[in-house]
Amino acid sequence: MNDQKTTVDNLKVFVKNFVDERDWSQFHNPKNISMALAIEASELMDIFKWDSNDESEKKMSVDISRQDAIDELADVIIYSIAFANKNGIDISDAILQKMKKNEEKYPSEKFKGHF
């Protein structure tokens, strides 16, 4: 798989099949999946805890910490997809709608280069 050839739908099916093969859907409700997602996001943050900006950048070039970050990011994405699957959310449409809101809230001419 790679980003150039894999669709969001491919990923949704891949995650759904994994969950179904283990009969884990019974544990997948909005509360549980959102909590798991938050936990995985915090595990990603933990890799960089107490690092300076430069140190965190350097960690992303070191094999072991880079792989740890990739693994945690994958967990965040997997749980995000599982949440979408369980709740009938079209990920592409959700992103499009949210980006439209972001464009209105943060117009580029006002926010370019700063928050």
N, C-alpha and C. Protein backbone atom coordinates (compact mmCIF):
# COMPACT_ATOMS: atom_id res chain seq x y z
N MET A 1 0.84 -1.18 0.00
CA MET A 1 0.00 0.00 0.00
C MET A 1 0.88 1.24 0.00
N ASN A 2 0.41 2.28 -0.66
CA ASN A 2 1.04 3.59 -0.55
C ASN A 2 0.00 4.66 -0.82
N ASP A 3 0.31 5.88 -0.41
CA ASP A 3 -0.65 6.97 -0.52
C ASP A 3 -1.07 7.26 -1.95
N GLN A 4 -0.19 6.97 -2.90
CA GLN A 4 -0.49 7.26 -4.30
C GLN A 4 -1.57 6.35 -4.86
N LYS A 5 -1.65 5.12 -4.34
CA LYS A 5 -2.55 4.12 -4.93
C LYS A 5 -3.69 3.68 -4.02
N THR A 6 -3.61 4.01 -2.75
CA THR A 6 -4.60 3.54 -1.78
C THR A 6 -5.65 4.62 -1.55
N THR A 7 -6.91 4.23 -1.65
CA THR A 7 -8.00 5.19 -1.42
C THR A 7 -8.41 5.15 0.06
N VAL A 8 -9.13 6.17 0.46
CA VAL A 8 -9.68 6.17 1.82
C VAL A 8 -10.60 4.97 1.99
N ASP A 9 -11.37 4.66 0.96
CA ASP A 9 -12.26 3.50 1.04
C ASP A 9 -11.47 2.21 1.23
N ASN A 10 -10.33 2.07 0.55
CA ASN A 10 -9.48 0.89 0.76
C ASN A 10 -9.09 0.77 2.23
N LEU A 11 -8.70 1.89 2.82
CA LEU A 11 -8.29 1.88 4.22
C LEU A 11 -9.47 1.55 5.14
N LYS A 12 -10.65 2.10 4.82
CA LYS A 12 -11.83 1.81 5.64
C LYS A 12 -12.17 0.32 5.60
N VAL A 13 -12.08 -0.28 4.44
CA VAL A 13 -12.36 -1.71 4.31
C VAL A 13 -11.29 -2.52 5.05
N PHE A 14 -10.04 -2.14 4.92
CA PHE A 14 -8.94 -2.82 5.58
C PHE A 14 -9.14 -2.84 7.10
N VAL A 15 -9.47 -1.67 7.67
CA VAL A 15 -9.70 -1.56 9.11
C VAL A 15 -10.95 -2.34 9.50
N LYS A 16 -12.03 -2.22 8.71
CA LYS A 16 -13.27 -2.95 9.01
C LYS A 16 -13.03 -4.45 9.04
N ASN A 17 -12.32 -4.96 8.07
CA ASN A 17 -12.03 -6.40 8.03
C ASN A 17 -11.22 -6.83 9.24
N PHE A 18 -10.25 -6.04 9.63
CA PHE A 18 -9.43 -6.35 10.80
C PHE A 18 -10.32 -6.43 12.05
N VAL A 19 -11.18 -5.44 12.22
CA VAL A 19 -12.08 -5.40 13.38
C VAL A 19 -13.06 -6.58 13.33
N ASP A 20 -13.64 -6.82 12.17
CA ASP A 20 -14.62 -7.90 12.04
C ASP A 20 -14.01 -9.27 12.30
N GLU A 21 -12.81 -9.50 11.81
CA GLU A 21 -12.15 -10.80 12.01
C GLU A 21 -11.90 -11.10 13.48
N ARG A 22 -11.86 -10.09 14.31
CA ARG A 22 -11.60 -10.26 15.74
C ARG A 22 -12.86 -10.06 16.59
N ASP A 23 -13.98 -9.79 15.92
CA ASP A 23 -15.26 -9.53 16.60
C ASP A 23 -15.13 -8.40 17.62
N TRP A 24 -14.40 -7.36 17.25
CA TRP A 24 -14.19 -6.23 18.14
C TRP A 24 -15.26 -5.14 17.99
N SER A 25 -16.11 -5.27 17.00
CA SER A 25 -17.14 -4.25 16.78
C SER A 25 -18.01 -4.07 18.02
N GLN A 26 -18.17 -5.14 18.78
CA GLN A 26 -18.98 -5.06 20.01
C GLN A 26 -18.39 -4.06 21.02
N PHE A 27 -17.12 -3.79 20.91
CA PHE A 27 -16.47 -2.86 21.84
C PHE A 27 -16.34 -1.45 21.24
N HIS A 28 -16.70 -1.34 19.98
CA HIS A 28 -16.53 -0.06 19.28
C HIS A 28 -17.80 0.78 19.37
N ASN A 29 -17.78 1.71 20.28
CA ASN A 29 -18.84 2.70 20.39
C ASN A 29 -18.15 4.06 20.41
N PRO A 30 -18.88 5.14 20.21
CA PRO A 30 -18.22 6.45 20.14
C PRO A 30 -17.31 6.75 21.34
N LYS A 31 -17.75 6.40 22.54
CA LYS A 31 -16.94 6.67 23.74
C LYS A 31 -15.64 5.89 23.71
N ASN A 32 -15.72 4.59 23.50
CA ASN A 32 -14.51 3.76 23.55
C ASN A 32 -13.52 4.11 22.45
N ILE A 33 -14.01 4.30 21.24
CA ILE A 33 -13.09 4.60 20.15
C ILE A 33 -12.47 5.98 20.33
N SER A 34 -13.27 6.96 20.78
CA SER A 34 -12.70 8.30 20.96
C SER A 34 -11.67 8.30 22.08
N MET A 35 -11.89 7.50 23.12
CA MET A 35 -10.90 7.40 24.20
C MET A 35 -9.62 6.73 23.69
N ALA A 36 -9.77 5.66 22.92
CA ALA A 36 -8.59 4.97 22.36
C ALA A 36 -7.81 5.92 21.45
N LEU A 37 -8.53 6.70 20.67
CA LEU A 37 -7.91 7.67 19.77
C LEU A 37 -7.11 8.71 20.56
N ALA A 38 -7.69 9.21 21.64
CA ALA A 38 -6.99 10.19 22.48
C ALA A 38 -5.75 9.57 23.14
N ILE A 39 -5.86 8.33 23.56
CA ILE A 39 -4.72 7.65 24.18
C ILE A 39 -3.58 7.50 23.18
N GLU A 40 -3.91 7.09 21.95
CA GLU A 40 -2.87 6.93 20.93
C GLU A 40 -2.24 8.27 20.58
N ALA A 41 -3.05 9.32 20.52
CA ALA A 41 -2.50 10.66 20.25
C ALA A 41 -1.55 11.07 21.37
N SER A 42 -1.90 10.74 22.61
CA SER A 42 -1.01 11.09 23.72
C SER A 42 0.28 10.27 23.67
N GLU A 43 0.21 9.04 23.18
CA GLU A 43 1.42 8.24 23.03
C GLU A 43 2.35 8.83 21.96
N LEU A 44 1.77 9.41 20.93
CA LEU A 44 2.57 10.12 19.93
C LEU A 44 3.23 11.35 20.56
N MET A 45 2.46 12.10 21.34
CA MET A 45 3.02 13.29 22.01
C MET A 45 4.12 12.91 22.99
N ASP A 46 3.97 11.76 23.65
CA ASP A 46 4.93 11.35 24.66
C ASP A 46 6.33 11.16 24.08
N ILE A 47 6.42 10.78 22.82
CA ILE A 47 7.72 10.60 22.17
C ILE A 47 8.53 11.90 22.19
N PHE A 48 7.84 13.03 22.13
CA PHE A 48 8.49 14.33 22.03
C PHE A 48 8.44 15.14 23.32
N LYS A 49 7.91 14.55 24.38
CA LYS A 49 7.76 15.25 25.66
C LYS A 49 9.11 15.78 26.12
N TRP A 50 9.12 17.04 26.49
CA TRP A 50 10.27 17.76 27.03
C TRP A 50 11.34 18.08 25.99
N ASP A 51 11.12 17.72 24.73
CA ASP A 51 12.09 18.03 23.68
C ASP A 51 11.93 19.48 23.23
N SER A 52 13.04 20.07 22.82
CA SER A 52 12.96 21.38 22.15
C SER A 52 12.44 21.12 20.73
N ASN A 53 12.12 22.18 20.03
CA ASN A 53 11.68 22.02 18.64
C ASN A 53 12.74 21.30 17.81
N ASP A 54 14.00 21.72 17.99
CA ASP A 54 15.09 21.10 17.24
C ASP A 54 15.25 19.62 17.59
N GLU A 55 15.13 19.30 18.88
CA GLU A 55 15.25 17.90 19.30
C GLU A 55 14.13 17.04 18.72
N SER A 56 12.93 17.61 18.69
CA SER A 56 11.81 16.84 18.13
C SER A 56 12.00 16.62 16.63
N GLU A 57 12.53 17.63 15.94
CA GLU A 57 12.83 17.47 14.51
C GLU A 57 13.89 16.38 14.30
N LYS A 58 14.91 16.38 15.16
CA LYS A 58 15.98 15.40 15.04
C LYS A 58 15.45 13.99 15.27
N LYS A 59 14.54 13.84 16.23
CA LYS A 59 13.98 12.51 16.50
C LYS A 59 13.30 11.91 15.27
N MET A 60 12.76 12.77 14.42
CA MET A 60 12.08 12.27 13.23
C MET A 60 13.06 11.82 12.15
N SER A 61 14.37 12.00 12.41
CA SER A 61 15.37 11.49 11.47
C SER A 61 16.13 10.30 12.05
N VAL A 62 15.84 9.94 13.29
CA VAL A 62 16.48 8.80 13.95
C VAL A 62 15.56 7.60 13.80
N ASP A 63 16.11 6.50 13.31
CA ASP A 63 15.31 5.34 12.96
C ASP A 63 14.34 4.89 14.04
N ILE A 64 14.83 4.70 15.27
CA ILE A 64 13.98 4.13 16.31
C ILE A 64 12.85 5.09 16.69
N SER A 65 13.16 6.35 17.01
CA SER A 65 12.10 7.27 17.39
C SER A 65 11.21 7.60 16.22
N ARG A 66 11.76 7.66 15.02
CA ARG A 66 10.93 7.90 13.84
C ARG A 66 9.92 6.76 13.68
N GLN A 67 10.36 5.53 13.82
CA GLN A 67 9.46 4.39 13.68
C GLN A 67 8.41 4.38 14.78
N ASP A 68 8.80 4.74 15.99
CA ASP A 68 7.84 4.85 17.09
C ASP A 68 6.75 5.87 16.75
N ALA A 69 7.16 7.02 16.23
CA ALA A 69 6.20 8.06 15.86
C ALA A 69 5.30 7.59 14.72
N ILE A 70 5.87 6.91 13.75
CA ILE A 70 5.07 6.38 12.63
C ILE A 70 4.04 5.39 13.16
N ASP A 71 4.46 4.51 14.06
CA ASP A 71 3.53 3.53 14.63
C ASP A 71 2.39 4.20 15.38
N GLU A 72 2.71 5.22 16.18
CA GLU A 72 1.67 5.91 16.94
C GLU A 72 0.74 6.70 16.01
N LEU A 73 1.29 7.33 14.99
CA LEU A 73 0.45 8.01 14.01
C LEU A 73 -0.49 7.03 13.33
N ALA A 74 0.03 5.86 12.98
CA ALA A 74 -0.80 4.83 12.36
C ALA A 74 -1.95 4.44 13.29
N ASP A 75 -1.66 4.29 14.59
CA ASP A 75 -2.73 3.96 15.54
C ASP A 75 -3.79 5.05 15.58
N VAL A 76 -3.37 6.31 15.56
CA VAL A 76 -4.33 7.43 15.55
C VAL A 76 -5.22 7.35 14.31
N ILE A 77 -4.61 7.10 13.18
CA ILE A 77 -5.37 7.03 11.93
C ILE A 77 -6.29 5.82 11.92
N ILE A 78 -5.80 4.68 12.39
CA ILE A 78 -6.62 3.47 12.44
C ILE A 78 -7.85 3.69 13.31
N TYR A 79 -7.67 4.25 14.50
CA TYR A 79 -8.83 4.51 15.36
C TYR A 79 -9.75 5.57 14.76
N SER A 80 -9.20 6.54 14.05
CA SER A 80 -10.04 7.53 13.37
C SER A 80 -10.90 6.86 12.31
N ILE A 81 -10.30 5.95 11.57
CA ILE A 81 -11.05 5.23 10.54
C ILE A 81 -12.09 4.32 11.19
N ALA A 82 -11.73 3.65 12.27
CA ALA A 82 -12.69 2.79 12.98
C ALA A 82 -13.87 3.61 13.49
N PHE A 83 -13.59 4.82 13.98
CA PHE A 83 -14.66 5.71 14.44
C PHE A 83 -15.59 6.07 13.28
N ALA A 84 -15.00 6.40 12.15
CA ALA A 84 -15.80 6.73 10.96
C ALA A 84 -16.62 5.53 10.51
N ASN A 85 -16.00 4.36 10.48
CA ASN A 85 -16.73 3.15 10.08
C ASN A 85 -17.92 2.90 10.98
N LYS A 86 -17.71 2.95 12.27
CA LYS A 86 -18.76 2.62 13.24
C LYS A 86 -19.89 3.63 13.21
N ASN A 87 -19.59 4.87 12.85
CA ASN A 87 -20.58 5.94 12.92
C ASN A 87 -21.05 6.44 11.56
N GLY A 88 -20.73 5.70 10.51
CA GLY A 88 -21.20 6.06 9.18
C GLY A 88 -20.74 7.42 8.70
N ILE A 89 -19.48 7.75 8.94
CA ILE A 89 -18.93 9.05 8.55
C ILE A 89 -18.12 8.88 7.28
N ASP A 90 -18.43 9.68 6.29
CA ASP A 90 -17.65 9.73 5.06
C ASP A 90 -16.46 10.65 5.34
N ILE A 91 -15.30 10.08 5.42
CA ILE A 91 -14.10 10.83 5.83
C ILE A 91 -13.78 11.96 4.85
N SER A 92 -13.83 11.67 3.57
CA SER A 92 -13.51 12.71 2.58
C SER A 92 -14.46 13.89 2.69
N ASP A 93 -15.76 13.60 2.84
CA ASP A 93 -16.74 14.67 2.98
C ASP A 93 -16.54 15.43 4.29
N ALA A 94 -16.23 14.70 5.37
CA ALA A 94 -16.01 15.36 6.66
C ALA A 94 -14.83 16.32 6.57
N ILE A 95 -13.76 15.89 5.92
CA ILE A 95 -12.58 16.76 5.78
C ILE A 95 -12.91 17.97 4.91
N LEU A 96 -13.60 17.74 3.80
CA LEU A 96 -13.97 18.84 2.92
C LEU A 96 -14.81 19.87 3.67
N GLN A 97 -15.83 19.41 4.40
CA GLN A 97 -16.70 20.33 5.13
C GLN A 97 -15.93 21.09 6.21
N LYS A 98 -15.05 20.39 6.91
CA LYS A 98 -14.28 21.05 7.97
C LYS A 98 -13.29 22.06 7.38
N MET A 99 -12.67 21.73 6.25
CA MET A 99 -11.75 22.68 5.62
C MET A 99 -12.48 23.92 5.12
N LYS A 100 -13.70 23.76 4.67
CA LYS A 100 -14.49 24.94 4.28
C LYS A 100 -14.71 25.84 5.49
N LYS A 101 -15.05 25.24 6.63
CA LYS A 101 -15.22 26.02 7.86
C LYS A 101 -13.90 26.70 8.25
N ASN A 102 -12.79 25.96 8.13
CA ASN A 102 -11.48 26.52 8.47
C ASN A 102 -11.12 27.69 7.56
N GLU A 103 -11.45 27.57 6.27
CA GLU A 103 -11.18 28.67 5.33
C GLU A 103 -11.93 29.93 5.73
N GLU A 104 -13.15 29.77 6.20
CA GLU A 104 -13.93 30.93 6.63
C GLU A 104 -13.39 31.49 7.94
N LYS A 105 -13.03 30.61 8.84
CA LYS A 105 -12.56 31.04 10.16
C LYS A 105 -11.15 31.62 10.11
N TYR A 106 -10.33 31.09 9.21
CA TYR A 106 -8.93 31.51 9.10
C TYR A 106 -8.58 31.90 7.67
N PRO A 107 -9.11 33.02 7.19
CA PRO A 107 -8.80 33.43 5.81
C PRO A 107 -7.29 33.66 5.64
N SER A 108 -6.77 33.18 4.52
CA SER A 108 -5.31 33.23 4.31
C SER A 108 -4.77 34.64 4.35
N GLU A 109 -5.53 35.61 3.84
CA GLU A 109 -5.01 36.98 3.83
C GLU A 109 -4.87 37.56 5.23
N LYS A 110 -5.57 36.99 6.20
CA LYS A 110 -5.48 37.48 7.58
C LYS A 110 -4.52 36.63 8.44
N PHE A 111 -4.39 35.35 8.10
CA PHE A 111 -3.65 34.45 8.97
C PHE A 111 -2.36 33.89 8.35
N LYS A 112 -2.01 34.31 7.17
CA LYS A 112 -0.83 33.77 6.51
C LYS A 112 0.42 34.05 7.35
N GLY A 113 1.12 32.97 7.73
CA GLY A 113 2.37 33.09 8.46
C GLY A 113 2.24 33.24 9.96
N HIS A 114 1.01 33.30 10.50
CA HIS A 114 0.83 33.40 11.95
C HIS A 114 -0.54 32.89 12.35
N PHE A 115 -0.72 32.67 13.67
CA PHE A 115 -2.00 32.17 14.18
C PHE A 115 -2.83 33.32 14.63
